[in-house]
Amino acid sequence: MRVSELADRSGVSARSVRHYDRAGLLDSTRRANGYRDFAEQDVARVRVIERLLSSGLTVDDVVTLRPCLTAVGEFTGCPRSRDVLAAHVDRLRRAIARDQRTLLLLRERQRNMTPADRAG
């Protein structure tokens, strides 16, 4: 199938499909006319890529994880997946801690507002 069909069937843009292919996340072949050709299994693979990216992983992370993924997006437990996922969990913990500090600061500032400040 061509880029546009893969994009339509997987719910992403054609630009994303091309980006994933250039990054090595998909295994396209080239037709005689130079167009990329994708297999049926690439629809599921693009959906897995999208789920991983939406979890906050980077394209580089997903490239590293690719050998650790089954066709349906399950991790095989290879060392690469442990390292990448551990680093991602650590980044998320730091981001959550930062956001919690920001939330506390904003709540404190709300409590300290005068009635005139609240009115606007």
PDB file of N, CA and C in Angstrom:
ATOM      1  N   MET A   1       0.850  -1.180   0.000  1.00  0.00           N
ATOM      2  CA  MET A   1       0.000   0.000   0.000  1.00  0.00           C
ATOM      3  C   MET A   1       0.888   1.233   0.000  1.00  0.00           C
ATOM      4  N   ARG A   2       0.376   2.311  -0.531  1.00  0.00           N
ATOM      5  CA  ARG A   2       1.130   3.558  -0.630  1.00  0.00           C
ATOM      6  C   ARG A   2       1.026   4.365   0.661  1.00  0.00           C
ATOM      7  N   VAL A   3       1.844   5.403   0.734  1.00  0.00           N
ATOM      8  CA  VAL A   3       1.907   6.258   1.922  1.00  0.00           C
ATOM      9  C   VAL A   3       0.529   6.778   2.301  1.00  0.00           C
ATOM     10  N   SER A   4      -0.214   7.295   1.340  1.00  0.00           N
ATOM     11  CA  SER A   4      -1.514   7.906   1.647  1.00  0.00           C
ATOM     12  C   SER A   4      -2.490   6.886   2.217  1.00  0.00           C
ATOM     13  N   GLU A   5      -2.486   5.673   1.705  1.00  0.00           N
ATOM     14  CA  GLU A   5      -3.395   4.649   2.229  1.00  0.00           C
ATOM     15  C   GLU A   5      -2.986   4.238   3.640  1.00  0.00           C
ATOM     16  N   LEU A   6      -1.695   4.066   3.872  1.00  0.00           N
ATOM     17  CA  LEU A   6      -1.227   3.729   5.217  1.00  0.00           C
ATOM     18  C   LEU A   6      -1.592   4.839   6.194  1.00  0.00           C
ATOM     19  N   ALA A   7      -1.419   6.070   5.781  1.00  0.00           N
ATOM     20  CA  ALA A   7      -1.770   7.204   6.640  1.00  0.00           C
ATOM     21  C   ALA A   7      -3.256   7.185   6.973  1.00  0.00           C
ATOM     22  N   ASP A   8      -4.100   7.014   5.970  1.00  0.00           N
ATOM     23  CA  ASP A   8      -5.552   6.982   6.190  1.00  0.00           C
ATOM     24  C   ASP A   8      -5.949   5.841   7.115  1.00  0.00           C
ATOM     25  N   ARG A   9      -5.420   4.673   6.867  1.00  0.00           N
ATOM     26  CA  ARG A   9      -5.825   3.491   7.631  1.00  0.00           C
ATOM     27  C   ARG A   9      -5.291   3.488   9.053  1.00  0.00           C
ATOM     28  N   SER A  10      -4.186   4.179   9.284  1.00  0.00           N
ATOM     29  CA  SER A  10      -3.614   4.192  10.632  1.00  0.00           C
ATOM     30  C   SER A  10      -3.939   5.466  11.398  1.00  0.00           C
ATOM     31  N   GLY A  11      -4.567   6.440  10.732  1.00  0.00           N
ATOM     32  CA  GLY A  11      -5.010   7.646  11.418  1.00  0.00           C
ATOM     33  C   GLY A  11      -3.931   8.683  11.659  1.00  0.00           C
ATOM     34  N   VAL A  12      -2.898   8.684  10.831  1.00  0.00           N
ATOM     35  CA  VAL A  12      -1.838   9.682  10.958  1.00  0.00           C
ATOM     36  C   VAL A  12      -1.685  10.410   9.625  1.00  0.00           C
ATOM     37  N   SER A  13      -0.849  11.412   9.614  1.00  0.00           N
ATOM     38  CA  SER A  13      -0.609  12.139   8.367  1.00  0.00           C
ATOM     39  C   SER A  13       0.391  11.380   7.498  1.00  0.00           C
ATOM     40  N   ALA A  14       0.348  11.660   6.214  1.00  0.00           N
ATOM     41  CA  ALA A  14       1.331  11.075   5.297  1.00  0.00           C
ATOM     42  C   ALA A  14       2.737  11.530   5.687  1.00  0.00           C
ATOM     43  N   ARG A  15       2.838  12.748   6.169  1.00  0.00           N
ATOM     44  CA  ARG A  15       4.138  13.260   6.611  1.00  0.00           C
ATOM     45  C   ARG A  15       4.695  12.412   7.758  1.00  0.00           C
ATOM     46  N   SER A  16       3.820  12.017   8.702  1.00  0.00           N
ATOM     47  CA  SER A  16       4.266  11.162   9.805  1.00  0.00           C
ATOM     48  C   SER A  16       4.745   9.813   9.290  1.00  0.00           C
ATOM     49  N   VAL A  17       3.998   9.235   8.357  1.00  0.00           N
ATOM     50  CA  VAL A  17       4.403   7.943   7.784  1.00  0.00           C
ATOM     51  C   VAL A  17       5.793   8.066   7.165  1.00  0.00           C
ATOM     52  N   ARG A  18       6.015   9.105   6.390  1.00  0.00           N
ATOM     53  CA  ARG A  18       7.327   9.293   5.760  1.00  0.00           C
ATOM     54  C   ARG A  18       8.421   9.481   6.811  1.00  0.00           C
ATOM     55  N   HIS A  19       8.108  10.238   7.860  1.00  0.00           N
ATOM     56  CA  HIS A  19       9.075  10.469   8.937  1.00  0.00           C
ATOM     57  C   HIS A  19       9.435   9.148   9.622  1.00  0.00           C
ATOM     58  N   TYR A  20       8.434   8.341   9.947  1.00  0.00           N
ATOM     59  CA  TYR A  20       8.689   7.055  10.598  1.00  0.00           C
ATOM     60  C   TYR A  20       9.502   6.144   9.685  1.00  0.00           C
ATOM     61  N   ASP A  21       9.216   6.187   8.403  1.00  0.00           N
ATOM     62  CA  ASP A  21       9.953   5.359   7.451  1.00  0.00           C
ATOM     63  C   ASP A  21      11.415   5.802   7.375  1.00  0.00           C
ATOM     64  N   ARG A  22      11.650   7.112   7.283  1.00  0.00           N
ATOM     65  CA  ARG A  22      13.029   7.628   7.233  1.00  0.00           C
ATOM     66  C   ARG A  22      13.797   7.305   8.513  1.00  0.00           C
ATOM     67  N   ALA A  23      13.079   7.292   9.649  1.00  0.00           N
ATOM     68  CA  ALA A  23      13.719   7.009  10.936  1.00  0.00           C
ATOM     69  C   ALA A  23      14.050   5.527  11.105  1.00  0.00           C
ATOM     70  N   GLY A  24      13.532   4.689  10.214  1.00  0.00           N
ATOM     71  CA  GLY A  24      13.798   3.257  10.306  1.00  0.00           C
ATOM     72  C   GLY A  24      12.767   2.491  11.107  1.00  0.00           C
ATOM     73  N   LEU A  25      11.622   3.120  11.376  1.00  0.00           N
ATOM     74  CA  LEU A  25      10.571   2.455  12.146  1.00  0.00           C
ATOM     75  C   LEU A  25       9.667   1.589  11.282  1.00  0.00           C
ATOM     76  N   LEU A  26       9.695   1.797   9.988  1.00  0.00           N
ATOM     77  CA  LEU A  26       8.885   1.011   9.053  1.00  0.00           C
ATOM     78  C   LEU A  26       9.808   0.394   8.008  1.00  0.00           C
ATOM     79  N   ASP A  27       9.341  -0.671   7.399  1.00  0.00           N
ATOM     80  CA  ASP A  27      10.141  -1.378   6.389  1.00  0.00           C
ATOM     81  C   ASP A  27       9.487  -1.270   5.023  1.00  0.00           C
ATOM     82  N   SER A  28       9.556  -0.098   4.446  1.00  0.00           N
ATOM     83  CA  SER A  28       8.956   0.059   3.120  1.00  0.00           C
ATOM     84  C   SER A  28       9.897  -0.484   2.052  1.00  0.00           C
ATOM     85  N   THR A  29       9.305  -0.789   0.932  1.00  0.00           N
ATOM     86  CA  THR A  29      10.087  -1.110  -0.260  1.00  0.00           C
ATOM     87  C   THR A  29       9.774  -0.025  -1.277  1.00  0.00           C
ATOM     88  N   ARG A  30      10.579   0.054  -2.314  1.00  0.00           N
ATOM     89  CA  ARG A  30      10.345   1.060  -3.353  1.00  0.00           C
ATOM     90  C   ARG A  30       9.841   0.379  -4.610  1.00  0.00           C
ATOM     91  N   ARG A  31       8.795   0.939  -5.153  1.00  0.00           N
ATOM     92  CA  ARG A  31       8.280   0.471  -6.442  1.00  0.00           C
ATOM     93  C   ARG A  31       9.183   0.998  -7.557  1.00  0.00           C
ATOM     94  N   ALA A  32       8.963   0.519  -8.754  1.00  0.00           N
ATOM     95  CA  ALA A  32       9.759   0.968  -9.905  1.00  0.00           C
ATOM     96  C   ALA A  32       9.624   2.470 -10.124  1.00  0.00           C
ATOM     97  N   ASN A  33       8.452   3.021  -9.781  1.00  0.00           N
ATOM     98  CA  ASN A  33       8.229   4.458  -9.969  1.00  0.00           C
ATOM     99  C   ASN A  33       8.781   5.296  -8.810  1.00  0.00           C
ATOM    100  N   GLY A  34       9.411   4.641  -7.826  1.00  0.00           N
ATOM    101  CA  GLY A  34      10.010   5.355  -6.703  1.00  0.00           C
ATOM    102  C   GLY A  34       9.098   5.522  -5.501  1.00  0.00           C
ATOM    103  N   TYR A  35       7.828   5.175  -5.639  1.00  0.00           N
ATOM    104  CA  TYR A  35       6.892   5.295  -4.518  1.00  0.00           C
ATOM    105  C   TYR A  35       7.195   4.236  -3.465  1.00  0.00           C
ATOM    106  N   ARG A  36       6.971   4.629  -2.217  1.00  0.00           N
ATOM    107  CA  ARG A  36       7.124   3.667  -1.130  1.00  0.00           C
ATOM    108  C   ARG A  36       5.949   2.695  -1.153  1.00  0.00           C
ATOM    109  N   ASP A  37       6.227   1.460  -0.751  1.00  0.00           N
ATOM    110  CA  ASP A  37       5.184   0.446  -0.661  1.00  0.00           C
ATOM    111  C   ASP A  37       5.269  -0.169   0.734  1.00  0.00           C
ATOM    112  N   PHE A  38       4.120  -0.238   1.417  1.00  0.00           N
ATOM    113  CA  PHE A  38       4.074  -0.743   2.783  1.00  0.00           C
ATOM    114  C   PHE A  38       3.232  -2.008   2.856  1.00  0.00           C
ATOM    115  N   ALA A  39       3.530  -2.827   3.859  1.00  0.00           N
ATOM    116  CA  ALA A  39       2.800  -4.073   4.071  1.00  0.00           C
ATOM    117  C   ALA A  39       1.595  -3.830   4.977  1.00  0.00           C
ATOM    118  N   GLU A  40       0.675  -4.767   4.964  1.00  0.00           N
ATOM    119  CA  GLU A  40      -0.525  -4.695   5.806  1.00  0.00           C
ATOM    120  C   GLU A  40      -0.161  -4.529   7.280  1.00  0.00           C
ATOM    121  N   GLN A  41       0.874  -5.209   7.732  1.00  0.00           N
ATOM    122  CA  GLN A  41       1.264  -5.151   9.148  1.00  0.00           C
ATOM    123  C   GLN A  41       1.726  -3.758   9.571  1.00  0.00           C
ATOM    124  N   ASP A  42       2.060  -2.910   8.611  1.00  0.00           N
ATOM    125  CA  ASP A  42       2.510  -1.562   8.950  1.00  0.00           C
ATOM    126  C   ASP A  42       1.392  -0.693   9.524  1.00  0.00           C
ATOM    127  N   VAL A  43       0.145  -1.034   9.252  1.00  0.00           N
ATOM    128  CA  VAL A  43      -0.973  -0.286   9.858  1.00  0.00           C
ATOM    129  C   VAL A  43      -0.899  -0.438  11.375  1.00  0.00           C
ATOM    130  N   ALA A  44      -0.767  -1.672  11.845  1.00  0.00           N
ATOM    131  CA  ALA A  44      -0.654  -1.918  13.288  1.00  0.00           C
ATOM    132  C   ALA A  44       0.626  -1.308  13.844  1.00  0.00           C
ATOM    133  N   ARG A  45       1.706  -1.403  13.089  1.00  0.00           N
ATOM    134  CA  ARG A  45       2.982  -0.864  13.565  1.00  0.00           C
ATOM    135  C   ARG A  45       2.899   0.650  13.748  1.00  0.00           C
ATOM    136  N   VAL A  46       2.266   1.360  12.822  1.00  0.00           N
ATOM    137  CA  VAL A  46       2.126   2.816  12.963  1.00  0.00           C
ATOM    138  C   VAL A  46       1.294   3.141  14.200  1.00  0.00           C
ATOM    139  N   ARG A  47       0.263   2.375  14.453  1.00  0.00           N
ATOM    140  CA  ARG A  47      -0.560   2.612  15.651  1.00  0.00           C
ATOM    141  C   ARG A  47       0.253   2.409  16.923  1.00  0.00           C
ATOM    142  N   VAL A  48       1.108   1.399  16.937  1.00  0.00           N
ATOM    143  CA  VAL A  48       1.988   1.171  18.089  1.00  0.00           C
ATOM    144  C   VAL A  48       2.949   2.347  18.248  1.00  0.00           C
ATOM    145  N   ILE A  49       3.533   2.784  17.152  1.00  0.00           N
ATOM    146  CA  ILE A  49       4.446   3.933  17.189  1.00  0.00           C
ATOM    147  C   ILE A  49       3.729   5.145  17.770  1.00  0.00           C
ATOM    148  N   GLU A  50       2.523   5.395  17.318  1.00  0.00           N
ATOM    149  CA  GLU A  50       1.750   6.541  17.814  1.00  0.00           C
ATOM    150  C   GLU A  50       1.479   6.425  19.314  1.00  0.00           C
ATOM    151  N   ARG A  51       1.137   5.225  19.783  1.00  0.00           N
ATOM    152  CA  ARG A  51       0.898   5.033  21.225  1.00  0.00           C
ATOM    153  C   ARG A  51       2.165   5.314  22.023  1.00  0.00           C
ATOM    154  N   LEU A  52       3.285   4.824  21.538  1.00  0.00           N
ATOM    155  CA  LEU A  52       4.544   5.053  22.248  1.00  0.00           C
ATOM    156  C   LEU A  52       4.906   6.536  22.267  1.00  0.00           C
ATOM    157  N   LEU A  53       4.726   7.202  21.153  1.00  0.00           N
ATOM    158  CA  LEU A  53       5.024   8.635  21.097  1.00  0.00           C
ATOM    159  C   LEU A  53       4.078   9.427  21.991  1.00  0.00           C
ATOM    160  N   SER A  54       2.813   9.030  22.028  1.00  0.00           N
ATOM    161  CA  SER A  54       1.855   9.767  22.864  1.00  0.00           C
ATOM    162  C   SER A  54       2.135   9.559  24.353  1.00  0.00           C
ATOM    163  N   SER A  55       2.886   8.518  24.690  1.00  0.00           N
ATOM    164  CA  SER A  55       3.262   8.305  26.089  1.00  0.00           C
ATOM    165  C   SER A  55       4.432   9.193  26.496  1.00  0.00           C
ATOM    166  N   GLY A  56       4.982   9.915  25.522  1.00  0.00           N
ATOM    167  CA  GLY A  56       6.075  10.827  25.818  1.00  0.00           C
ATOM    168  C   GLY A  56       7.436  10.349  25.351  1.00  0.00           C
ATOM    169  N   LEU A  57       7.502   9.156  24.779  1.00  0.00           N
ATOM    170  CA  LEU A  57       8.770   8.691  24.234  1.00  0.00           C
ATOM    171  C   LEU A  57       9.103   9.489  22.978  1.00  0.00           C
ATOM    172  N   THR A  58      10.366   9.587  22.674  1.00  0.00           N
ATOM    173  CA  THR A  58      10.801  10.278  21.467  1.00  0.00           C
ATOM    174  C   THR A  58      10.905   9.279  20.314  1.00  0.00           C
ATOM    175  N   VAL A  59      11.018   9.792  19.106  1.00  0.00           N
ATOM    176  CA  VAL A  59      11.217   8.911  17.950  1.00  0.00           C
ATOM    177  C   VAL A  59      12.503   8.108  18.139  1.00  0.00           C
ATOM    178  N   ASP A  60      13.547   8.747  18.650  1.00  0.00           N
ATOM    179  CA  ASP A  60      14.799   8.019  18.896  1.00  0.00           C
ATOM    180  C   ASP A  60      14.600   6.886  19.898  1.00  0.00           C
ATOM    181  N   ASP A  61      13.794   7.128  20.941  1.00  0.00           N
ATOM    182  CA  ASP A  61      13.480   6.065  21.903  1.00  0.00           C
ATOM    183  C   ASP A  61      12.788   4.904  21.206  1.00  0.00           C
ATOM    184  N   VAL A  62      11.815   5.227  20.367  1.00  0.00           N
ATOM    185  CA  VAL A  62      11.049   4.187  19.674  1.00  0.00           C
ATOM    186  C   VAL A  62      11.952   3.420  18.713  1.00  0.00           C
ATOM    187  N   VAL A  63      12.883   4.115  18.063  1.00  0.00           N
ATOM    188  CA  VAL A  63      13.848   3.432  17.189  1.00  0.00           C
ATOM    189  C   VAL A  63      14.661   2.432  18.014  1.00  0.00           C
ATOM    190  N   THR A  64      15.099   2.844  19.191  1.00  0.00           N
ATOM    191  CA  THR A  64      15.858   1.953  20.067  1.00  0.00           C
ATOM    192  C   THR A  64      15.018   0.762  20.506  1.00  0.00           C
ATOM    193  N   LEU A  65      13.732   1.003  20.764  1.00  0.00           N
ATOM    194  CA  LEU A  65      12.841  -0.060  21.240  1.00  0.00           C
ATOM    195  C   LEU A  65      12.371  -1.003  20.141  1.00  0.00           C
ATOM    196  N   ARG A  66      12.474  -0.602  18.906  1.00  0.00           N
ATOM    197  CA  ARG A  66      11.881  -1.381  17.814  1.00  0.00           C
ATOM    198  C   ARG A  66      12.250  -2.863  17.849  1.00  0.00           C
ATOM    199  N   PRO A  67      13.512  -3.234  18.057  1.00  0.00           N
ATOM    200  CA  PRO A  67      13.823  -4.667  18.088  1.00  0.00           C
ATOM    201  C   PRO A  67      13.183  -5.401  19.271  1.00  0.00           C
ATOM    202  N   CYS A  68      12.704  -4.644  20.255  1.00  0.00           N
ATOM    203  CA  CYS A  68      12.115  -5.239  21.456  1.00  0.00           C
ATOM    204  C   CYS A  68      10.602  -5.377  21.362  1.00  0.00           C
ATOM    205  N   LEU A  69      10.015  -4.984  20.243  1.00  0.00           N
ATOM    206  CA  LEU A  69       8.560  -4.982  20.103  1.00  0.00           C
ATOM    207  C   LEU A  69       8.090  -6.133  19.229  1.00  0.00           C
ATOM    208  N   THR A  70       6.990  -6.742  19.655  1.00  0.00           N
ATOM    209  CA  THR A  70       6.346  -7.737  18.808  1.00  0.00           C
ATOM    210  C   THR A  70       5.500  -7.001  17.778  1.00  0.00           C
ATOM    211  N   ALA A  71       4.910  -7.743  16.870  1.00  0.00           N
ATOM    212  CA  ALA A  71       4.086  -7.127  15.817  1.00  0.00           C
ATOM    213  C   ALA A  71       2.902  -6.368  16.390  1.00  0.00           C
ATOM    214  N   VAL A  72       2.417  -6.777  17.568  1.00  0.00           N
ATOM    215  CA  VAL A  72       1.255  -6.106  18.162  1.00  0.00           C
ATOM    216  C   VAL A  72       1.659  -5.071  19.208  1.00  0.00           C
ATOM    217  N   GLY A  73       2.969  -4.787  19.306  1.00  0.00           N
ATOM    218  CA  GLY A  73       3.417  -3.713  20.181  1.00  0.00           C
ATOM    219  C   GLY A  73       3.718  -4.108  21.604  1.00  0.00           C
ATOM    220  N   GLU A  74       3.817  -5.393  21.877  1.00  0.00           N
ATOM    221  CA  GLU A  74       4.182  -5.847  23.216  1.00  0.00           C
ATOM    222  C   GLU A  74       5.707  -5.873  23.327  1.00  0.00           C
ATOM    223  N   PHE A  75       6.220  -5.573  24.524  1.00  0.00           N
ATOM    224  CA  PHE A  75       7.658  -5.607  24.733  1.00  0.00           C
ATOM    225  C   PHE A  75       8.112  -7.036  24.988  1.00  0.00           C
ATOM    226  N   THR A  76       9.241  -7.398  24.401  1.00  0.00           N
ATOM    227  CA  THR A  76       9.791  -8.734  24.588  1.00  0.00           C
ATOM    228  C   THR A  76      10.674  -8.807  25.821  1.00  0.00           C
ATOM    229  N   GLY A  77      10.937  -7.676  26.447  1.00  0.00           N
ATOM    230  CA  GLY A  77      11.739  -7.664  27.662  1.00  0.00           C
ATOM    231  C   GLY A  77      13.230  -7.630  27.406  1.00  0.00           C
ATOM    232  N   CYS A  78      13.631  -7.202  26.244  1.00  0.00           N
ATOM    233  CA  CYS A  78      15.065  -7.135  25.958  1.00  0.00           C
ATOM    234  C   CYS A  78      15.700  -6.002  26.766  1.00  0.00           C
ATOM    235  N   PRO A  79      17.016  -6.066  26.983  1.00  0.00           N
ATOM    236  CA  PRO A  79      17.686  -5.044  27.801  1.00  0.00           C
ATOM    237  C   PRO A  79      17.451  -3.620  27.310  1.00  0.00           C
ATOM    238  N   ARG A  80      17.353  -3.437  26.010  1.00  0.00           N
ATOM    239  CA  ARG A  80      17.112  -2.089  25.483  1.00  0.00           C
ATOM    240  C   ARG A  80      15.819  -1.510  26.034  1.00  0.00           C
ATOM    241  N   SER A  81      14.775  -2.322  26.079  1.00  0.00           N
ATOM    242  CA  SER A  81      13.487  -1.802  26.547  1.00  0.00           C
ATOM    243  C   SER A  81      13.567  -1.422  28.016  1.00  0.00           C
ATOM    244  N   ARG A  82      14.262  -2.212  28.819  1.00  0.00           N
ATOM    245  CA  ARG A  82      14.388  -1.876  30.244  1.00  0.00           C
ATOM    246  C   ARG A  82      15.067  -0.529  30.417  1.00  0.00           C
ATOM    247  N   ASP A  83      16.157  -0.304  29.699  1.00  0.00           N
ATOM    248  CA  ASP A  83      16.916   0.941  29.848  1.00  0.00           C
ATOM    249  C   ASP A  83      16.123   2.157  29.381  1.00  0.00           C
ATOM    250  N   VAL A  84      15.516   2.056  28.208  1.00  0.00           N
ATOM    251  CA  VAL A  84      14.759   3.189  27.657  1.00  0.00           C
ATOM    252  C   VAL A  84      13.552   3.489  28.536  1.00  0.00           C
ATOM    253  N   LEU A  85      12.830   2.450  28.946  1.00  0.00           N
ATOM    254  CA  LEU A  85      11.639   2.669  29.768  1.00  0.00           C
ATOM    255  C   LEU A  85      12.002   3.194  31.148  1.00  0.00           C
ATOM    256  N   ALA A  86      13.099   2.714  31.729  1.00  0.00           N
ATOM    257  CA  ALA A  86      13.535   3.226  33.035  1.00  0.00           C
ATOM    258  C   ALA A  86      13.879   4.711  32.941  1.00  0.00           C
ATOM    259  N   ALA A  87      14.555   5.102  31.876  1.00  0.00           N
ATOM    260  CA  ALA A  87      14.888   6.520  31.693  1.00  0.00           C
ATOM    261  C   ALA A  87      13.628   7.351  31.507  1.00  0.00           C
ATOM    262  N   HIS A  88      12.661   6.810  30.783  1.00  0.00           N
ATOM    263  CA  HIS A  88      11.410   7.540  30.553  1.00  0.00           C
ATOM    264  C   HIS A  88      10.622   7.686  31.857  1.00  0.00           C
ATOM    265  N   VAL A  89      10.557   6.624  32.644  1.00  0.00           N
ATOM    266  CA  VAL A  89       9.873   6.696  33.939  1.00  0.00           C
ATOM    267  C   VAL A  89      10.543   7.749  34.816  1.00  0.00           C
ATOM    268  N   ASP A  90      11.864   7.798  34.799  1.00  0.00           N
ATOM    269  CA  ASP A  90      12.585   8.798  35.583  1.00  0.00           C
ATOM    270  C   ASP A  90      12.255  10.213  35.117  1.00  0.00           C
ATOM    271  N   ARG A  91      12.209  10.427  33.789  1.00  0.00           N
ATOM    272  CA  ARG A  91      11.835  11.754  33.260  1.00  0.00           C
ATOM    273  C   ARG A  91      10.423  12.130  33.703  1.00  0.00           C
ATOM    274  N   LEU A  92       9.502  11.166  33.648  1.00  0.00           N
ATOM    275  CA  LEU A  92       8.122  11.446  34.052  1.00  0.00           C
ATOM    276  C   LEU A  92       8.036  11.786  35.532  1.00  0.00           C
ATOM    277  N   ARG A  93       8.767  11.061  36.365  1.00  0.00           N
ATOM    278  CA  ARG A  93       8.763  11.357  37.807  1.00  0.00           C
ATOM    279  C   ARG A  93       9.261  12.773  38.080  1.00  0.00           C
ATOM    280  N   ARG A  94      10.335  13.158  37.396  1.00  0.00           N
ATOM    281  CA  ARG A  94      10.859  14.518  37.586  1.00  0.00           C
ATOM    282  C   ARG A  94       9.852  15.562  37.116  1.00  0.00           C
ATOM    283  N   ALA A  95       9.199  15.306  35.992  1.00  0.00           N
ATOM    284  CA  ALA A  95       8.202  16.250  35.468  1.00  0.00           C
ATOM    285  C   ALA A  95       7.014  16.359  36.413  1.00  0.00           C
ATOM    286  N   ILE A  96       6.571  15.236  36.956  1.00  0.00           N
ATOM    287  CA  ILE A  96       5.448  15.250  37.900  1.00  0.00           C
ATOM    288  C   ILE A  96       5.831  16.033  39.148  1.00  0.00           C
ATOM    289  N   ALA A  97       7.027  15.809  39.662  1.00  0.00           N
ATOM    290  CA  ALA A  97       7.479  16.540  40.852  1.00  0.00           C
ATOM    291  C   ALA A  97       7.529  18.040  40.577  1.00  0.00           C
ATOM    292  N   ARG A  98       8.040  18.418  39.407  1.00  0.00           N
ATOM    293  CA  ARG A  98       8.092  19.842  39.030  1.00  0.00           C
ATOM    294  C   ARG A  98       6.683  20.422  38.937  1.00  0.00           C
ATOM    295  N   ASP A  99       5.775  19.688  38.306  1.00  0.00           N
ATOM    296  CA  ASP A  99       4.398  20.164  38.160  1.00  0.00           C
ATOM    297  C   ASP A  99       3.696  20.269  39.510  1.00  0.00           C
ATOM    298  N   GLN A 100       3.990  19.344  40.421  1.00  0.00           N
ATOM    299  CA  GLN A 100       3.388  19.423  41.756  1.00  0.00           C
ATOM    300  C   GLN A 100       3.883  20.659  42.501  1.00  0.00           C
ATOM    301  N   ARG A 101       5.174  20.968  42.366  1.00  0.00           N
ATOM    302  CA  ARG A 101       5.704  22.187  43.006  1.00  0.00           C
ATOM    303  C   ARG A 101       5.048  23.431  42.417  1.00  0.00           C
ATOM    304  N   THR A 102       4.865  23.441  41.110  1.00  0.00           N
ATOM    305  CA  THR A 102       4.216  24.578  40.449  1.00  0.00           C
ATOM    306  C   THR A 102       2.781  24.719  40.925  1.00  0.00           C
ATOM    307  N   LEU A 103       2.069  23.622  41.031  1.00  0.00           N
ATOM    308  CA  LEU A 103       0.687  23.649  41.498  1.00  0.00           C
ATOM    309  C   LEU A 103       0.597  24.198  42.919  1.00  0.00           C
ATOM    310  N   LEU A 104       1.482  23.758  43.796  1.00  0.00           N
ATOM    311  CA  LEU A 104       1.480  24.271  45.169  1.00  0.00           C
ATOM    312  C   LEU A 104       1.746  25.771  45.195  1.00  0.00           C
ATOM    313  N   LEU A 105       2.684  26.222  44.384  1.00  0.00           N
ATOM    314  CA  LEU A 105       3.004  27.648  44.316  1.00  0.00           C
ATOM    315  C   LEU A 105       1.800  28.452  43.837  1.00  0.00           C
ATOM    316  N   LEU A 106       1.137  27.985  42.804  1.00  0.00           N
ATOM    317  CA  LEU A 106      -0.030  28.697  42.276  1.00  0.00           C
ATOM    318  C   LEU A 106      -1.179  28.715  43.276  1.00  0.00           C
ATOM    319  N   ARG A 107      -1.396  27.608  43.957  1.00  0.00           N
ATOM    320  CA  ARG A 107      -2.454  27.579  44.979  1.00  0.00           C
ATOM    321  C   ARG A 107      -2.151  28.562  46.103  1.00  0.00           C
ATOM    322  N   GLU A 108      -0.889  28.633  46.498  1.00  0.00           N
ATOM    323  CA  GLU A 108      -0.491  29.570  47.547  1.00  0.00           C
ATOM    324  C   GLU A 108      -0.732  31.009  47.089  1.00  0.00           C
ATOM    325  N   ARG A 109      -0.404  31.294  45.859  1.00  0.00           N
ATOM    326  CA  ARG A 109      -0.635  32.650  45.339  1.00  0.00           C
ATOM    327  C   ARG A 109      -2.123  32.959  45.265  1.00  0.00           C
ATOM    328  N   GLN A 110      -2.942  31.980  44.922  1.00  0.00           N
ATOM    329  CA  GLN A 110      -4.397  32.187  44.909  1.00  0.00           C
ATOM    330  C   GLN A 110      -4.904  32.526  46.307  1.00  0.00           C
ATOM    331  N   ARG A 111      -4.410  31.788  47.300  1.00  0.00           N
ATOM    332  CA  ARG A 111      -4.855  32.029  48.678  1.00  0.00           C
ATOM    333  C   ARG A 111      -4.465  33.420  49.159  1.00  0.00           C
ATOM    334  N   ASN A 112      -3.363  33.933  48.663  1.00  0.00           N
ATOM    335  CA  ASN A 112      -2.866  35.234  49.114  1.00  0.00           C
ATOM    336  C   ASN A 112      -3.443  36.410  48.335  1.00  0.00           C
ATOM    337  N   MET A 113      -4.314  36.146  47.381  1.00  0.00           N
ATOM    338  CA  MET A 113      -4.914  37.231  46.598  1.00  0.00           C
ATOM    339  C   MET A 113      -5.910  38.014  47.458  1.00  0.00           C
ATOM    340  N   THR A 114      -5.929  39.295  47.239  1.00  0.00           N
ATOM    341  CA  THR A 114      -6.919  40.135  47.909  1.00  0.00           C
ATOM    342  C   THR A 114      -8.226  40.057  47.126  1.00  0.00           C
ATOM    343  N   PRO A 115      -9.339  40.477  47.730  1.00  0.00           N
ATOM    344  CA  PRO A 115     -10.601  40.495  46.985  1.00  0.00           C
ATOM    345  C   PRO A 115     -10.502  41.324  45.702  1.00  0.00           C
ATOM    346  N   ALA A 116      -9.746  42.418  45.737  1.00  0.00           N
ATOM    347  CA  ALA A 116      -9.586  43.244  44.532  1.00  0.00           C
ATOM    348  C   ALA A 116      -8.835  42.472  43.443  1.00  0.00           C
ATOM    349  N   ASP A 117      -7.823  41.682  43.855  1.00  0.00           N
ATOM    350  CA  ASP A 117      -7.081  40.862  42.883  1.00  0.00           C
ATOM    351  C   ASP A 117      -8.008  39.846  42.220  1.00  0.00           C
ATOM    352  N   ARG A 118      -8.881  39.250  43.019  1.00  0.00           N
ATOM    353  CA  ARG A 118      -9.782  38.215  42.496  1.00  0.00           C
ATOM    354  C   ARG A 118     -10.835  38.800  41.560  1.00  0.00           C
ATOM    355  N   ALA A 119     -11.215  40.056  41.800  1.00  0.00           N
ATOM    356  CA  ALA A 119     -12.262  40.692  40.990  1.00  0.00           C
ATOM    357  C   ALA A 119     -11.740  41.078  39.612  1.00  0.00           C
ATOM    358  N   GLY A 120     -10.476  41.248  39.528  1.00  0.00           N
ATOM    359  CA  GLY A 120      -9.970  41.516  38.356  1.00  0.00           C
ATOM    360  C   GLY A 120      -9.411  42.218  37.366  1.00  0.00           C
TER     361      GLY A 120
END
